């Protein structure tokens, strides 16, 4: 038996705060929706639900600022993204554009 890895979703996301905070797809494959809850806190919904133990997520910030970006899978349909700035005074939530890919490992 061999494993197969399949790309099931990929997107370029523009997340922004300020007067009109929000999130938009600049490019999208495999995601149904993307929402912004607060600064640096985003939720993306896949078009189809999968076993979360068989999903691999990669997320990369699309800017030159220092900081961390994290992805988690609370279920097999939602990807939670949290983005933080890294400054001399500490770190906190930050809106920033990012790239995301989701792979499914099949048996």
N, C-alpha and C. Protein backbone atom coordinates (compact mmCIF):
# COMPACT_ATOMS: atom_id res chain seq x y z
N UNK A 1 0.84 -1.17 0.00
CA UNK A 1 0.00 0.00 0.00
C UNK A 1 0.90 1.24 0.00
N UNK A 2 0.59 2.22 -0.84
CA UNK A 2 1.37 3.44 -0.89
C UNK A 2 0.50 4.65 -0.56
N UNK A 3 1.13 5.66 -0.05
CA UNK A 3 0.41 6.90 0.27
C UNK A 3 0.42 7.83 -0.93
N UNK A 4 -0.61 8.61 -1.04
CA UNK A 4 -0.71 9.60 -2.08
C UNK A 4 -1.04 10.94 -1.42
N UNK A 5 -0.32 11.98 -1.78
CA UNK A 5 -0.58 13.31 -1.25
C UNK A 5 -1.23 14.13 -2.35
N UNK A 6 -2.37 14.72 -2.04
CA UNK A 6 -3.14 15.45 -3.04
C UNK A 6 -3.40 16.88 -2.56
N UNK A 7 -3.11 17.86 -3.40
CA UNK A 7 -3.42 19.25 -3.10
C UNK A 7 -4.94 19.43 -3.19
N UNK A 8 -5.57 19.84 -2.08
CA UNK A 8 -7.03 20.02 -2.11
C UNK A 8 -7.45 21.49 -1.99
N UNK A 9 -6.52 22.36 -1.55
CA UNK A 9 -6.86 23.79 -1.46
C UNK A 9 -5.59 24.62 -1.47
N UNK A 10 -5.68 25.79 -2.12
CA UNK A 10 -4.58 26.74 -2.14
C UNK A 10 -5.17 28.12 -2.35
N UNK A 11 -4.60 29.11 -1.68
CA UNK A 11 -5.14 30.46 -1.83
C UNK A 11 -4.07 31.50 -1.52
N UNK A 12 -4.28 32.68 -2.11
CA UNK A 12 -3.55 33.88 -1.74
C UNK A 12 -4.58 34.78 -1.09
N UNK A 13 -4.33 35.18 0.15
CA UNK A 13 -5.29 35.93 0.95
C UNK A 13 -4.77 37.33 1.22
N UNK A 14 -5.64 38.33 1.07
CA UNK A 14 -5.31 39.69 1.46
C UNK A 14 -6.16 40.01 2.69
N UNK A 15 -5.51 40.12 3.86
CA UNK A 15 -6.20 40.45 5.11
C UNK A 15 -5.80 41.86 5.50
N UNK A 16 -6.77 42.67 5.90
CA UNK A 16 -6.47 44.06 6.20
C UNK A 16 -7.33 44.56 7.36
N UNK A 17 -6.76 45.43 8.15
CA UNK A 17 -7.45 46.05 9.28
C UNK A 17 -7.85 47.47 8.90
N UNK A 18 -7.77 48.38 9.85
CA UNK A 18 -8.07 49.78 9.56
C UNK A 18 -9.55 50.08 9.61
N UNK A 19 -9.96 51.06 8.81
CA UNK A 19 -11.34 51.55 8.81
C UNK A 19 -12.32 50.48 8.32
N UNK A 20 -11.94 49.74 7.29
CA UNK A 20 -12.81 48.70 6.73
C UNK A 20 -12.11 47.35 6.82
N UNK A 21 -12.02 46.76 8.02
CA UNK A 21 -11.30 45.48 8.16
C UNK A 21 -12.00 44.36 7.39
N UNK A 22 -11.20 43.44 6.89
CA UNK A 22 -11.79 42.32 6.17
C UNK A 22 -10.74 41.37 5.63
N UNK A 23 -11.19 40.49 4.78
CA UNK A 23 -10.32 39.50 4.18
C UNK A 23 -10.88 39.18 2.80
N UNK A 24 -9.99 39.00 1.81
CA UNK A 24 -10.46 38.68 0.46
C UNK A 24 -9.51 37.69 -0.19
N UNK A 25 -10.08 36.87 -1.06
CA UNK A 25 -9.27 35.94 -1.85
C UNK A 25 -8.66 36.72 -3.02
N UNK A 26 -7.34 36.65 -3.18
CA UNK A 26 -6.69 37.18 -4.37
C UNK A 26 -6.60 36.06 -5.41
N UNK A 27 -6.50 34.82 -4.93
CA UNK A 27 -6.53 33.62 -5.76
C UNK A 27 -7.08 32.52 -4.86
N UNK A 28 -7.86 31.63 -5.40
CA UNK A 28 -8.50 30.63 -4.55
C UNK A 28 -8.74 29.33 -5.30
N UNK A 29 -8.41 28.23 -4.63
CA UNK A 29 -8.74 26.89 -5.11
C UNK A 29 -9.08 26.05 -3.88
N UNK A 30 -10.29 25.56 -3.79
CA UNK A 30 -10.66 24.61 -2.75
C UNK A 30 -11.21 25.18 -1.46
N UNK A 31 -11.24 26.50 -1.31
CA UNK A 31 -11.84 27.10 -0.12
C UNK A 31 -13.22 27.65 -0.45
N UNK A 32 -14.14 27.52 0.49
CA UNK A 32 -15.50 28.03 0.32
C UNK A 32 -15.58 29.48 0.80
N UNK A 33 -15.08 29.76 2.01
CA UNK A 33 -15.15 31.10 2.57
C UNK A 33 -13.88 31.43 3.34
N UNK A 34 -13.69 32.72 3.57
CA UNK A 34 -12.62 33.22 4.43
C UNK A 34 -13.17 34.39 5.21
N UNK A 35 -12.97 34.39 6.53
CA UNK A 35 -13.48 35.47 7.37
C UNK A 35 -12.40 35.96 8.33
N UNK A 36 -12.56 37.18 8.78
CA UNK A 36 -11.67 37.80 9.74
C UNK A 36 -12.48 38.07 11.01
N UNK A 37 -12.05 37.49 12.14
CA UNK A 37 -12.75 37.70 13.41
C UNK A 37 -12.24 38.96 14.12
N UNK A 38 -10.92 39.16 14.07
CA UNK A 38 -10.28 40.32 14.70
C UNK A 38 -8.88 40.42 14.14
N UNK A 39 -8.09 41.39 14.64
CA UNK A 39 -6.72 41.56 14.16
C UNK A 39 -5.98 40.22 14.18
N UNK A 40 -5.48 39.78 13.03
CA UNK A 40 -4.65 38.58 12.94
C UNK A 40 -5.37 37.26 13.15
N UNK A 41 -6.68 37.26 13.24
CA UNK A 41 -7.47 36.04 13.53
C UNK A 41 -8.41 35.76 12.37
N UNK A 42 -8.10 34.69 11.59
CA UNK A 42 -8.86 34.37 10.39
C UNK A 42 -9.34 32.93 10.40
N UNK A 43 -10.42 32.68 9.71
CA UNK A 43 -10.96 31.33 9.59
C UNK A 43 -11.29 31.08 8.12
N UNK A 44 -10.74 29.98 7.58
CA UNK A 44 -11.00 29.60 6.20
C UNK A 44 -11.75 28.27 6.19
N UNK A 45 -12.79 28.17 5.40
CA UNK A 45 -13.59 26.96 5.31
C UNK A 45 -13.32 26.26 3.99
N UNK A 46 -12.96 24.98 4.08
CA UNK A 46 -12.74 24.18 2.87
C UNK A 46 -14.07 23.87 2.20
N UNK A 47 -14.04 23.60 0.91
CA UNK A 47 -15.26 23.24 0.18
C UNK A 47 -15.80 21.89 0.61
N UNK A 48 -14.91 21.00 1.08
CA UNK A 48 -15.32 19.66 1.49
C UNK A 48 -14.69 19.31 2.83
N UNK A 49 -15.40 18.54 3.64
CA UNK A 49 -14.88 18.12 4.94
C UNK A 49 -14.01 16.87 4.77
N UNK A 50 -12.91 16.82 5.56
CA UNK A 50 -11.96 15.71 5.50
C UNK A 50 -11.58 15.30 6.91
N UNK A 51 -10.96 14.15 7.04
CA UNK A 51 -10.40 13.72 8.32
C UNK A 51 -9.24 14.66 8.66
N UNK A 52 -9.31 15.43 9.77
CA UNK A 52 -8.24 16.39 10.08
C UNK A 52 -6.88 15.73 10.31
N UNK A 53 -6.87 14.46 10.67
CA UNK A 53 -5.62 13.74 10.88
C UNK A 53 -4.89 13.42 9.57
N UNK A 54 -5.58 13.63 8.45
CA UNK A 54 -4.97 13.35 7.14
C UNK A 54 -4.71 14.63 6.35
N UNK A 55 -4.83 15.79 7.00
CA UNK A 55 -4.59 17.06 6.34
C UNK A 55 -3.24 17.64 6.76
N UNK A 56 -2.55 18.24 5.80
CA UNK A 56 -1.30 18.94 6.05
C UNK A 56 -1.49 20.38 5.55
N UNK A 57 -1.24 21.35 6.44
CA UNK A 57 -1.44 22.76 6.11
C UNK A 57 -0.10 23.49 6.12
N UNK A 58 0.10 24.32 5.10
CA UNK A 58 1.27 25.20 5.06
C UNK A 58 0.77 26.62 4.87
N UNK A 59 1.21 27.53 5.74
CA UNK A 59 0.82 28.94 5.63
C UNK A 59 2.07 29.80 5.73
N UNK A 60 2.17 30.80 4.84
CA UNK A 60 3.33 31.67 4.75
C UNK A 60 2.88 33.12 4.64
N UNK A 61 3.47 33.98 5.46
CA UNK A 61 3.15 35.41 5.37
C UNK A 61 3.63 35.97 4.04
N UNK A 62 2.89 36.93 3.52
CA UNK A 62 3.22 37.56 2.24
C UNK A 62 3.63 39.01 2.47
N UNK A 63 4.65 39.21 3.32
CA UNK A 63 5.18 40.55 3.55
C UNK A 63 6.58 40.44 4.13
N UNK A 64 7.21 41.58 4.38
CA UNK A 64 8.58 41.58 4.88
C UNK A 64 8.65 41.82 6.39
N UNK A 65 7.54 41.94 7.06
CA UNK A 65 7.53 42.18 8.50
C UNK A 65 7.92 40.92 9.27
N UNK A 66 8.60 41.11 10.38
CA UNK A 66 8.91 39.98 11.26
C UNK A 66 7.67 39.57 12.02
N UNK A 67 7.58 38.30 12.33
CA UNK A 67 6.45 37.81 13.11
C UNK A 67 6.16 36.36 12.81
N UNK A 68 5.16 35.85 13.49
CA UNK A 68 4.76 34.46 13.34
C UNK A 68 3.37 34.36 12.75
N UNK A 69 3.15 33.28 12.01
CA UNK A 69 1.81 32.95 11.54
C UNK A 69 1.59 31.47 11.83
N UNK A 70 0.44 31.13 12.36
CA UNK A 70 0.14 29.76 12.77
C UNK A 70 -1.16 29.30 12.15
N UNK A 71 -1.22 28.01 11.84
CA UNK A 71 -2.44 27.40 11.31
C UNK A 71 -2.81 26.22 12.19
N UNK A 72 -4.10 26.06 12.43
CA UNK A 72 -4.59 24.89 13.18
C UNK A 72 -5.85 24.37 12.50
N UNK A 73 -6.16 23.11 12.79
CA UNK A 73 -7.33 22.45 12.20
C UNK A 73 -8.28 22.03 13.33
N UNK A 74 -9.21 22.89 13.73
CA UNK A 74 -10.12 22.51 14.80
C UNK A 74 -11.08 21.39 14.39
N UNK A 75 -11.30 21.22 13.09
CA UNK A 75 -12.12 20.12 12.56
C UNK A 75 -11.65 19.84 11.14
N UNK A 76 -12.30 19.01 10.43
CA UNK A 76 -11.86 18.65 9.08
C UNK A 76 -12.34 19.57 7.99
N UNK A 77 -12.91 20.71 8.38
CA UNK A 77 -13.45 21.63 7.39
C UNK A 77 -12.92 23.06 7.56
N UNK A 78 -12.45 23.41 8.74
CA UNK A 78 -12.03 24.77 9.05
C UNK A 78 -10.52 24.82 9.31
N UNK A 79 -9.88 25.84 8.75
CA UNK A 79 -8.48 26.12 9.04
C UNK A 79 -8.46 27.46 9.78
N UNK A 80 -7.92 27.45 10.99
CA UNK A 80 -7.82 28.65 11.80
C UNK A 80 -6.41 29.23 11.64
N UNK A 81 -6.32 30.52 11.33
CA UNK A 81 -5.04 31.19 11.13
C UNK A 81 -4.90 32.29 12.18
N UNK A 82 -3.73 32.34 12.83
CA UNK A 82 -3.42 33.40 13.78
C UNK A 82 -2.08 33.99 13.39
N UNK A 83 -2.04 35.31 13.24
CA UNK A 83 -0.87 36.02 12.77
C UNK A 83 -0.44 37.04 13.82
N UNK A 84 0.87 37.08 14.11
CA UNK A 84 1.40 37.97 15.15
C UNK A 84 2.56 38.78 14.61
N UNK A 85 2.63 40.05 15.01
CA UNK A 85 3.79 40.88 14.69
C UNK A 85 4.88 40.63 15.73
N UNK A 86 6.09 40.94 15.36
CA UNK A 86 7.22 40.79 16.27
C UNK A 86 7.98 42.10 16.24
N UNK A 87 7.90 42.85 17.35
CA UNK A 87 8.55 44.16 17.42
C UNK A 87 9.45 44.23 18.64
N UNK A 88 10.16 45.33 18.76
CA UNK A 88 11.02 45.54 19.93
C UNK A 88 10.20 45.64 21.22
N UNK A 89 8.95 46.03 21.12
CA UNK A 89 8.11 46.19 22.31
C UNK A 89 7.29 44.95 22.63
N UNK A 90 7.46 43.88 21.88
CA UNK A 90 6.70 42.66 22.12
C UNK A 90 5.98 42.21 20.88
N UNK A 91 5.01 41.35 21.05
CA UNK A 91 4.26 40.87 19.89
C UNK A 91 2.77 40.96 20.18
N UNK A 92 2.01 41.06 19.12
CA UNK A 92 0.57 41.12 19.23
C UNK A 92 -0.06 40.73 17.91
N UNK A 93 -1.38 40.60 17.87
CA UNK A 93 -2.05 40.22 16.63
C UNK A 93 -1.85 41.28 15.54
N UNK A 94 -1.76 40.81 14.31
CA UNK A 94 -1.50 41.71 13.18
C UNK A 94 -2.18 41.18 11.93
N UNK A 95 -2.82 42.07 11.19
CA UNK A 95 -3.38 41.70 9.89
C UNK A 95 -2.27 41.72 8.85
N UNK A 96 -2.20 40.69 8.05
CA UNK A 96 -1.20 40.61 6.99
C UNK A 96 -1.67 39.66 5.90
N UNK A 97 -1.30 39.88 4.65
CA UNK A 97 -1.62 38.92 3.59
C UNK A 97 -0.80 37.64 3.77
N UNK A 98 -1.34 36.53 3.24
CA UNK A 98 -0.64 35.25 3.37
C UNK A 98 -1.03 34.30 2.26
N UNK A 99 -0.18 33.27 2.09
CA UNK A 99 -0.43 32.16 1.17
C UNK A 99 -0.74 30.93 2.01
N UNK A 100 -1.64 30.08 1.53
CA UNK A 100 -1.98 28.86 2.26
C UNK A 100 -2.20 27.71 1.28
N UNK A 101 -1.69 26.53 1.66
CA UNK A 101 -1.97 25.31 0.91
C UNK A 101 -2.42 24.23 1.89
N UNK A 102 -3.32 23.37 1.42
CA UNK A 102 -3.80 22.26 2.23
C UNK A 102 -3.69 21.00 1.38
N UNK A 103 -3.03 19.97 1.96
CA UNK A 103 -2.86 18.69 1.28
C UNK A 103 -3.59 17.60 2.03
N UNK A 104 -4.09 16.63 1.31
CA UNK A 104 -4.75 15.45 1.88
C UNK A 104 -3.86 14.23 1.62
N UNK A 105 -3.54 13.50 2.68
CA UNK A 105 -2.77 12.27 2.56
C UNK A 105 -3.75 11.12 2.44
N UNK A 106 -3.72 10.44 1.30
CA UNK A 106 -4.62 9.30 1.06
C UNK A 106 -3.86 7.99 1.23
N UNK A 107 -4.59 6.97 1.63
CA UNK A 107 -3.98 5.63 1.75
C UNK A 107 -3.94 4.95 0.41
